[in-house]
Amino acid sequence: MTKRFASPGQCTELPDLDHPVHAVITAESTLLLARLNRLAGTVATDDPATLADDVLLVYDGAMAGLQRGRTPDPLGRGRTLASRLIQNAVGTE
């Protein structure tokens, strides 16, 4: 059996909420958010959960930009935005 990568874009292409890809995306997002929450908890910020949510939003946007192919260097720009979010959260801008 071949393992396929499930992307958030597949959820928009397959709007049926009972489609199996939604469960895969939800599971992957849950794991990623848990990891981001652990990482955000290691920096000096008043609200690590919001920081993790914000970084996940940037990640999702960068991945969507990559799939669309319209944004120049969406992953690099996403890293820059995430870095700014982290710097702002810890007050080191």
C-alpha atoms as a PDB file:
ATOM      1  CA  MET A   1       0.000   0.000   0.000  1.00  0.00           C
ATOM      2  CA  THR A   2       1.339   3.429  -0.913  1.00  0.00           C
ATOM      3  CA  LYS A   3       1.188   6.103   1.764  1.00  0.00           C
ATOM      4  CA  ARG A   4      -0.062   9.399   0.387  1.00  0.00           C
ATOM      5  CA  PHE A   5       0.577  12.794   1.865  1.00  0.00           C
ATOM      6  CA  ALA A   6      -2.661  14.507   2.802  1.00  0.00           C
ATOM      7  CA  SER A   7      -2.663  18.262   2.510  1.00  0.00           C
ATOM      8  CA  PRO A   8      -5.112  20.897   3.738  1.00  0.00           C
ATOM      9  CA  GLY A   9      -5.792  21.680   0.082  1.00  0.00           C
ATOM     10  CA  GLN A  10      -7.305  18.247  -0.317  1.00  0.00           C
ATOM     11  CA  CYS A  11      -9.946  19.184   2.233  1.00  0.00           C
ATOM     12  CA  THR A  12     -11.138  22.027   0.057  1.00  0.00           C
ATOM     13  CA  GLU A  13     -11.104  19.782  -3.004  1.00  0.00           C
ATOM     14  CA  LEU A  14     -13.085  17.134  -1.126  1.00  0.00           C
ATOM     15  CA  PRO A  15     -15.744  19.034   0.814  1.00  0.00           C
ATOM     16  CA  ASP A  16     -17.501  15.847   2.013  1.00  0.00           C
ATOM     17  CA  LEU A  17     -16.678  15.888   5.740  1.00  0.00           C
ATOM     18  CA  ASP A  18     -17.029  12.097   5.856  1.00  0.00           C
ATOM     19  CA  HIS A  19     -14.223  11.613   3.314  1.00  0.00           C
ATOM     20  CA  PRO A  20     -11.248   9.808   4.926  1.00  0.00           C
ATOM     21  CA  VAL A  21      -8.809  12.593   4.000  1.00  0.00           C
ATOM     22  CA  HIS A  22     -10.444  14.840   6.594  1.00  0.00           C
ATOM     23  CA  ALA A  23      -9.539  12.428   9.381  1.00  0.00           C
ATOM     24  CA  VAL A  24      -5.927  12.319   8.166  1.00  0.00           C
ATOM     25  CA  ILE A  25      -5.691  16.116   7.978  1.00  0.00           C
ATOM     26  CA  THR A  26      -7.246  16.482  11.417  1.00  0.00           C
ATOM     27  CA  ALA A  27      -4.819  13.965  12.915  1.00  0.00           C
ATOM     28  CA  GLU A  28      -1.801  15.625  11.277  1.00  0.00           C
ATOM     29  CA  SER A  29      -2.944  19.079  12.382  1.00  0.00           C
ATOM     30  CA  THR A  30      -3.499  17.855  15.930  1.00  0.00           C
ATOM     31  CA  LEU A  31       0.017  16.400  16.090  1.00  0.00           C
ATOM     32  CA  LEU A  32       1.555  19.528  14.594  1.00  0.00           C
ATOM     33  CA  LEU A  33      -0.336  21.814  16.967  1.00  0.00           C
ATOM     34  CA  ALA A  34       0.734  19.684  19.952  1.00  0.00           C
ATOM     35  CA  ARG A  35       4.358  20.010  18.840  1.00  0.00           C
ATOM     36  CA  LEU A  36       4.003  23.761  18.324  1.00  0.00           C
ATOM     37  CA  ASN A  37       2.430  24.080  21.779  1.00  0.00           C
ATOM     38  CA  ARG A  38       5.385  22.216  23.323  1.00  0.00           C
ATOM     39  CA  LEU A  39       7.841  24.464  21.487  1.00  0.00           C
ATOM     40  CA  ALA A  40       5.917  27.643  22.343  1.00  0.00           C
ATOM     41  CA  GLY A  41       6.001  26.563  25.979  1.00  0.00           C
ATOM     42  CA  THR A  42       9.799  26.764  25.909  1.00  0.00           C
ATOM     43  CA  VAL A  43       9.922  30.486  25.129  1.00  0.00           C
ATOM     44  CA  ALA A  44       9.191  33.393  27.429  1.00  0.00           C
ATOM     45  CA  THR A  45       5.718  34.401  26.272  1.00  0.00           C
ATOM     46  CA  ASP A  46       2.544  35.191  28.166  1.00  0.00           C
ATOM     47  CA  ASP A  47       0.395  33.123  25.810  1.00  0.00           C
ATOM     48  CA  PRO A  48       2.137  30.088  24.292  1.00  0.00           C
ATOM     49  CA  ALA A  49      -1.152  28.584  23.059  1.00  0.00           C
ATOM     50  CA  THR A  50      -1.938  31.647  20.943  1.00  0.00           C
ATOM     51  CA  LEU A  51       1.614  31.698  19.610  1.00  0.00           C
ATOM     52  CA  ALA A  52       1.274  28.036  18.588  1.00  0.00           C
ATOM     53  CA  ASP A  53      -2.099  28.711  16.928  1.00  0.00           C
ATOM     54  CA  ASP A  54      -0.659  31.700  15.052  1.00  0.00           C
ATOM     55  CA  VAL A  55       2.363  29.762  13.817  1.00  0.00           C
ATOM     56  CA  LEU A  56       0.068  26.945  12.654  1.00  0.00           C
ATOM     57  CA  LEU A  57      -2.003  29.473  10.723  1.00  0.00           C
ATOM     58  CA  VAL A  58       1.149  30.772   9.016  1.00  0.00           C
ATOM     59  CA  TYR A  59       2.186  27.179   8.232  1.00  0.00           C
ATOM     60  CA  ASP A  60      -1.212  26.398   6.722  1.00  0.00           C
ATOM     61  CA  GLY A  61      -1.056  29.576   4.644  1.00  0.00           C
ATOM     62  CA  ALA A  62       2.453  28.820   3.431  1.00  0.00           C
ATOM     63  CA  MET A  63       1.413  25.312   2.417  1.00  0.00           C
ATOM     64  CA  ALA A  64      -1.619  26.689   0.571  1.00  0.00           C
ATOM     65  CA  GLY A  65       0.621  29.216  -1.187  1.00  0.00           C
ATOM     66  CA  LEU A  66       2.972  26.423  -2.207  1.00  0.00           C
ATOM     67  CA  GLN A  67       0.104  24.439  -3.711  1.00  0.00           C
ATOM     68  CA  ARG A  68      -1.269  27.397  -5.626  1.00  0.00           C
ATOM     69  CA  GLY A  69       2.122  28.308  -7.051  1.00  0.00           C
ATOM     70  CA  ARG A  70       1.285  32.018  -7.149  1.00  0.00           C
ATOM     71  CA  THR A  71       3.261  33.280  -4.141  1.00  0.00           C
ATOM     72  CA  PRO A  72       7.032  33.572  -4.595  1.00  0.00           C
ATOM     73  CA  ASP A  73       8.814  31.429  -1.965  1.00  0.00           C
ATOM     74  CA  PRO A  74       5.818  30.805   0.308  1.00  0.00           C
ATOM     75  CA  LEU A  75       7.827  28.581   2.666  1.00  0.00           C
ATOM     76  CA  GLY A  76      10.584  31.157   3.095  1.00  0.00           C
ATOM     77  CA  ARG A  77       8.045  33.891   3.636  1.00  0.00           C
ATOM     78  CA  GLY A  78       6.199  31.686   6.106  1.00  0.00           C
ATOM     79  CA  ARG A  79       9.426  31.162   8.075  1.00  0.00           C
ATOM     80  CA  THR A  80       9.970  34.927   8.140  1.00  0.00           C
ATOM     81  CA  LEU A  81       6.408  35.560   9.353  1.00  0.00           C
ATOM     82  CA  ALA A  82       6.667  32.844  12.002  1.00  0.00           C
ATOM     83  CA  SER A  83       9.955  34.317  13.191  1.00  0.00           C
ATOM     84  CA  ARG A  84       8.301  37.731  13.511  1.00  0.00           C
ATOM     85  CA  LEU A  85       5.436  36.206  15.482  1.00  0.00           C
ATOM     86  CA  ILE A  86       7.872  34.535  17.872  1.00  0.00           C
ATOM     87  CA  GLN A  87       9.968  37.686  18.281  1.00  0.00           C
ATOM     88  CA  ASN A  88       6.825  39.710  18.960  1.00  0.00           C
ATOM     89  CA  ALA A  89       5.551  37.135  21.456  1.00  0.00           C
ATOM     90  CA  VAL A  90       8.791  37.198  23.444  1.00  0.00           C
ATOM     91  CA  GLY A  91       9.272  40.946  23.051  1.00  0.00           C
ATOM     92  CA  THR A  92      12.565  40.852  21.127  1.00  0.00           C
ATOM     93  CA  GLU A  93      11.646  42.702  17.934  1.00  0.00           C
END
